[in-house]
Amino acid sequence: MGETDPKVTVVVPTYNERDNLPVLVDMLTALGLPNLHVLVVDDNSPDGTGDVADKLAQEAAIPVGVLHRTEKDGLGRAYVAGITRALDEGADIVVQMDADLSHPSSVVPTMVATLAEDSGAAVVLGSRYVRGGEVASQWAWHRKALSAWANRYVNVILRLGVKDATAGFKAWRADTLRAIEVGTVRSNGYAFQVEMNYRTVKQGLRIVEVPIRFEERADGVSKMSLAVQLESALMPWKLRFGGRKR
């Protein structure tokens, strides 16, 4: 591959991920994917993740950028800020990826290749629920049941036609992100993932799913608050019946 390789920017929101972030950057570096960049969006993590990111920006073998935000302002807003920056800096493909190592970096080349080979694919989604996908064995039965119910709930209301409607591991064409006006997305928690999918489908664009194994987070604690859960429950109804811009 040469000068025509697309610029791929992996946007990684962080909050208290100082131990996981260097591991993730090493894993992405090891892929050897041409023209791969990382953009860390840190929400002023009290554990010093922002400082770790700055050090990686100086020392990593692949380009690492850092967007420092002044406060913890929600996953959705972090992604909007990061994706907007990535587009402004000329990304052709933007990958959404968690910092906690739950998303397998080894699948990134497959996602990028799928976009290259399938001109009709607007976004490639790393799916736990298509054939070949799975979740970590550490997941308790009630967590698996809740995840399955949430996907069914979202699909019944919004008719997205995807197996893993709540997934957060995605590779987007830049043109798709512009078409869905990513800068105007208002969902602020994990409902952000659903709203992005909904806007894509409403534009008549196609979501492609590839199988992944979703791992338990490697270190730290989950950040899904009660408010985030409530937003996730209500947002599908707001999208369907709220007359939101699309």
Protein backbone atom coordinates (compact mmCIF):
# COMPACT_ATOMS: atom_id res chain seq x y z
CA MET A 1 0.00 0.00 0.00
CA GLY A 2 1.23 3.49 -0.73
CA GLU A 3 0.32 7.15 -0.91
CA THR A 4 -3.31 6.39 -1.70
CA ASP A 5 -3.87 4.60 1.63
CA PRO A 6 -6.82 6.23 3.41
CA LYS A 7 -6.09 8.17 6.56
CA VAL A 8 -7.62 6.14 9.38
CA THR A 9 -8.11 7.91 12.71
CA VAL A 10 -9.06 5.89 15.78
CA VAL A 11 -10.94 8.15 18.20
CA VAL A 12 -10.58 6.98 21.80
CA PRO A 13 -12.51 8.79 24.57
CA THR A 14 -10.84 8.40 27.95
CA TYR A 15 -11.67 8.96 31.58
CA ASN A 16 -9.36 7.32 34.13
CA GLU A 17 -7.76 4.94 31.63
CA ARG A 18 -4.07 5.62 32.34
CA ASP A 19 -3.17 1.92 32.57
CA ASN A 20 -5.16 0.76 29.55
CA LEU A 21 -4.30 3.54 27.09
CA PRO A 22 -0.61 2.66 26.50
CA VAL A 23 -1.58 -0.98 25.97
CA LEU A 24 -4.20 0.02 23.40
CA VAL A 25 -1.75 2.25 21.50
CA ASP A 26 0.81 -0.58 21.45
CA MET A 27 -1.81 -2.97 20.10
CA LEU A 28 -2.84 -0.54 17.37
CA THR A 29 0.80 0.09 16.48
CA ALA A 30 1.41 -3.65 16.12
CA LEU A 31 -1.25 -3.85 13.41
CA GLY A 32 1.09 -2.19 10.93
CA LEU A 33 -1.89 -0.54 9.25
CA PRO A 34 -0.70 2.19 6.86
CA ASN A 35 -1.63 5.80 7.65
CA LEU A 36 -3.14 4.90 11.03
CA HIS A 37 -3.57 7.71 13.56
CA VAL A 38 -4.94 7.77 17.11
CA LEU A 39 -6.85 10.67 18.65
CA VAL A 40 -7.31 10.52 22.42
CA VAL A 41 -10.18 12.61 23.81
CA ASP A 42 -9.58 12.98 27.53
CA ASP A 43 -12.16 14.47 29.89
CA ASN A 44 -9.68 15.85 32.44
CA SER A 45 -9.14 12.43 34.05
CA PRO A 46 -8.08 12.78 37.70
CA ASP A 47 -5.81 9.72 37.37
CA GLY A 48 -3.51 11.51 34.92
CA THR A 49 -4.68 9.83 31.71
CA GLY A 50 -4.23 13.12 29.89
CA ASP A 51 -0.56 13.26 30.86
CA VAL A 52 -0.10 9.66 29.71
CA ALA A 53 -1.71 10.58 26.39
CA ASP A 54 0.61 13.57 25.99
CA LYS A 55 3.61 11.30 26.58
CA LEU A 56 2.33 8.84 24.00
CA ALA A 57 1.93 11.70 21.54
CA GLN A 58 5.66 12.35 21.92
CA GLU A 59 6.92 8.77 22.02
CA ALA A 60 4.54 6.42 20.18
CA ALA A 61 5.58 4.87 16.88
CA ILE A 62 2.34 5.97 15.22
CA PRO A 63 0.84 9.48 15.24
CA VAL A 64 -1.10 10.14 18.44
CA GLY A 65 -3.07 13.34 18.95
CA VAL A 66 -4.66 14.48 22.19
CA LEU A 67 -7.79 16.55 22.67
CA HIS A 68 -8.02 17.77 26.27
CA ARG A 69 -11.49 18.68 27.52
CA THR A 70 -12.07 20.50 30.76
CA GLU A 71 -14.58 18.15 32.38
CA LYS A 72 -16.30 14.78 32.19
CA ASP A 73 -19.09 15.66 29.80
CA GLY A 74 -20.44 12.34 28.54
CA LEU A 75 -19.42 9.75 25.99
CA GLY A 76 -21.51 11.26 23.22
CA ARG A 77 -20.03 14.74 23.50
CA ALA A 78 -16.53 13.30 23.74
CA TYR A 79 -17.08 11.38 20.52
CA VAL A 80 -18.62 14.35 18.72
CA ALA A 81 -15.62 16.49 19.68
CA GLY A 82 -13.14 13.82 18.64
CA ILE A 83 -14.85 12.88 15.39
CA THR A 84 -15.18 16.55 14.43
CA ARG A 85 -11.46 17.05 15.06
CA ALA A 86 -10.60 13.93 13.06
CA LEU A 87 -12.67 15.14 10.10
CA ASP A 88 -11.12 18.60 10.30
CA GLU A 89 -7.68 16.95 10.17
CA GLY A 90 -8.51 15.06 6.99
CA ALA A 91 -9.49 11.58 8.15
CA ASP A 92 -10.98 9.39 5.44
CA ILE A 93 -12.12 6.73 7.92
CA VAL A 94 -12.92 7.31 11.59
CA VAL A 95 -12.93 4.39 14.01
CA GLN A 96 -14.75 4.56 17.34
CA MET A 97 -13.01 2.48 19.99
CA ASP A 98 -13.16 2.09 23.76
CA ALA A 99 -9.97 2.59 25.77
CA ASP A 100 -10.69 -0.27 28.16
CA LEU A 101 -9.51 -3.01 25.75
CA SER A 102 -12.99 -4.50 25.39
CA HIS A 103 -12.85 -3.93 21.61
CA PRO A 104 -10.40 -6.21 19.74
CA SER A 105 -7.87 -4.05 17.90
CA SER A 106 -7.11 -7.00 15.63
CA VAL A 107 -10.43 -6.40 13.85
CA VAL A 108 -9.61 -2.82 12.80
CA PRO A 109 -7.90 -3.91 9.54
CA THR A 110 -10.93 -6.05 8.68
CA MET A 111 -13.24 -3.09 9.23
CA VAL A 112 -11.09 -0.82 7.09
CA ALA A 113 -10.80 -3.46 4.36
CA THR A 114 -14.57 -3.95 4.35
CA LEU A 115 -15.09 -0.26 3.65
CA ALA A 116 -12.52 -0.46 0.85
CA GLU A 117 -14.04 -3.56 -0.74
CA ASP A 118 -17.74 -2.78 -0.27
CA SER A 119 -18.51 0.60 -1.79
CA GLY A 120 -22.06 0.44 -0.43
CA ALA A 121 -20.99 0.12 3.19
CA ALA A 122 -21.46 3.42 5.01
CA VAL A 123 -20.19 2.14 8.36
CA VAL A 124 -18.78 -1.16 9.60
CA LEU A 125 -19.89 -2.24 13.05
CA GLY A 126 -18.04 -4.71 15.27
CA SER A 127 -20.89 -6.98 16.30
CA ARG A 128 -21.26 -9.36 19.22
CA TYR A 129 -24.40 -10.90 17.81
CA VAL A 130 -23.75 -11.86 14.20
CA ARG A 131 -22.47 -15.36 13.39
CA GLY A 132 -18.96 -15.66 14.81
CA GLY A 133 -19.43 -12.87 17.35
CA GLU A 134 -19.48 -13.41 21.11
CA VAL A 135 -19.10 -11.80 24.51
CA ALA A 136 -16.55 -12.61 27.18
CA SER A 137 -17.22 -15.66 29.31
CA GLN A 138 -16.95 -13.43 32.40
CA TRP A 139 -20.27 -11.82 31.55
CA ALA A 140 -22.93 -12.89 34.03
CA TRP A 141 -26.19 -14.31 32.66
CA HIS A 142 -28.18 -11.23 33.68
CA ARG A 143 -25.76 -8.95 31.83
CA LYS A 144 -26.09 -11.04 28.69
CA ALA A 145 -29.87 -11.00 29.05
CA LEU A 146 -29.94 -7.22 29.52
CA SER A 147 -27.76 -6.68 26.46
CA ALA A 148 -29.93 -8.95 24.32
CA TRP A 149 -33.09 -7.23 25.57
CA ALA A 150 -31.65 -3.75 24.90
CA ASN A 151 -30.85 -4.68 21.31
CA ARG A 152 -34.30 -6.12 20.77
CA TYR A 153 -35.89 -3.05 22.38
CA VAL A 154 -33.99 -0.62 20.15
CA ASN A 155 -34.63 -2.58 16.97
CA VAL A 156 -38.36 -2.93 17.59
CA ILE A 157 -38.74 0.82 18.08
CA LEU A 158 -36.31 2.10 15.44
CA ARG A 159 -36.24 -0.77 12.91
CA LEU A 160 -32.51 -0.50 12.41
CA GLY A 161 -32.12 -3.97 10.96
CA VAL A 162 -28.82 -4.71 12.72
CA LYS A 163 -28.00 -7.45 15.20
CA ASP A 164 -25.94 -5.28 17.57
CA ALA A 165 -27.69 -1.91 17.68
CA THR A 166 -25.92 -0.74 20.85
CA ALA A 167 -22.36 -1.58 19.77
CA GLY A 168 -19.69 1.10 20.11
CA PHE A 169 -16.89 -0.32 17.93
CA LYS A 170 -17.36 1.16 14.45
CA ALA A 171 -15.47 2.30 11.37
CA TRP A 172 -17.11 5.19 9.54
CA ARG A 173 -16.56 6.69 6.13
CA ALA A 174 -15.93 10.41 6.51
CA ASP A 175 -18.68 11.10 3.97
CA THR A 176 -21.16 9.17 6.11
CA LEU A 177 -20.33 11.21 9.18
CA ARG A 178 -20.89 14.41 7.23
CA ALA A 179 -24.14 13.11 5.76
CA ILE A 180 -25.60 12.34 9.19
CA GLU A 181 -24.37 15.70 10.54
CA VAL A 182 -22.47 14.15 13.42
CA GLY A 183 -21.84 17.55 14.98
CA THR A 184 -25.56 17.90 15.75
CA VAL A 185 -25.97 14.57 17.58
CA ARG A 186 -27.36 15.32 21.04
CA SER A 187 -27.35 11.97 22.81
CA ASN A 188 -24.78 12.16 25.55
CA GLY A 189 -24.36 8.67 26.94
CA TYR A 190 -24.39 5.24 25.36
CA ALA A 191 -27.55 6.28 23.49
CA PHE A 192 -25.11 8.11 21.23
CA GLN A 193 -24.38 4.79 19.51
CA VAL A 194 -28.07 4.23 18.78
CA GLU A 195 -28.65 7.75 17.48
CA MET A 196 -25.68 7.44 15.11
CA ASN A 197 -27.11 4.20 13.72
CA TYR A 198 -30.58 5.70 13.41
CA ARG A 199 -29.35 8.71 11.47
CA THR A 200 -27.42 6.42 9.15
CA VAL A 201 -30.44 4.25 8.40
CA LYS A 202 -32.71 7.28 7.93
CA GLN A 203 -30.30 8.55 5.28
CA GLY A 204 -30.81 5.30 3.39
CA LEU A 205 -27.23 4.22 4.09
CA ARG A 206 -26.13 0.69 4.87
CA ILE A 207 -24.59 -0.63 8.08
CA VAL A 208 -22.38 -3.72 7.72
CA GLU A 209 -21.63 -5.94 10.72
CA VAL A 210 -18.47 -8.00 11.24
CA PRO A 211 -18.08 -10.43 14.15
CA ILE A 212 -16.02 -9.60 17.23
CA ARG A 213 -15.39 -11.06 20.64
CA PHE A 214 -16.29 -8.38 23.18
CA GLU A 215 -14.00 -8.67 26.20
CA GLU A 216 -14.52 -7.66 29.81
CA ARG A 217 -12.77 -4.35 30.48
CA ALA A 218 -9.11 -4.98 31.34
CA ASP A 219 -8.77 -2.52 34.21
CA GLY A 220 -10.81 0.14 36.01
CA VAL A 221 -14.55 0.41 36.51
CA SER A 222 -17.58 0.83 34.28
CA LYS A 223 -18.92 4.37 33.89
CA MET A 224 -22.60 3.70 33.11
CA SER A 225 -24.55 5.84 35.57
CA LEU A 226 -28.28 5.72 36.27
CA ALA A 227 -28.74 8.88 34.19
CA VAL A 228 -27.00 7.23 31.24
CA GLN A 229 -29.21 4.15 31.56
CA LEU A 230 -32.33 6.32 31.66
CA GLU A 231 -31.26 8.25 28.56
CA SER A 232 -30.58 4.97 26.78
CA ALA A 233 -34.11 3.77 27.57
CA LEU A 234 -35.85 6.97 26.47
CA MET A 235 -33.78 7.98 23.45
CA PRO A 236 -35.24 5.44 20.97
CA TRP A 237 -38.71 6.89 21.58
CA LYS A 238 -37.43 10.46 21.16
CA LEU A 239 -35.74 9.51 17.91
CA ARG A 240 -38.80 7.73 16.53
CA PHE A 241 -41.45 10.23 17.54
CA GLY A 242 -39.60 13.41 18.46
CA GLY A 243 -39.22 14.84 14.98
CA ARG A 244 -35.47 15.11 15.32
CA LYS A 245 -33.47 16.58 12.48
CA ARG A 246 -31.92 14.02 10.20
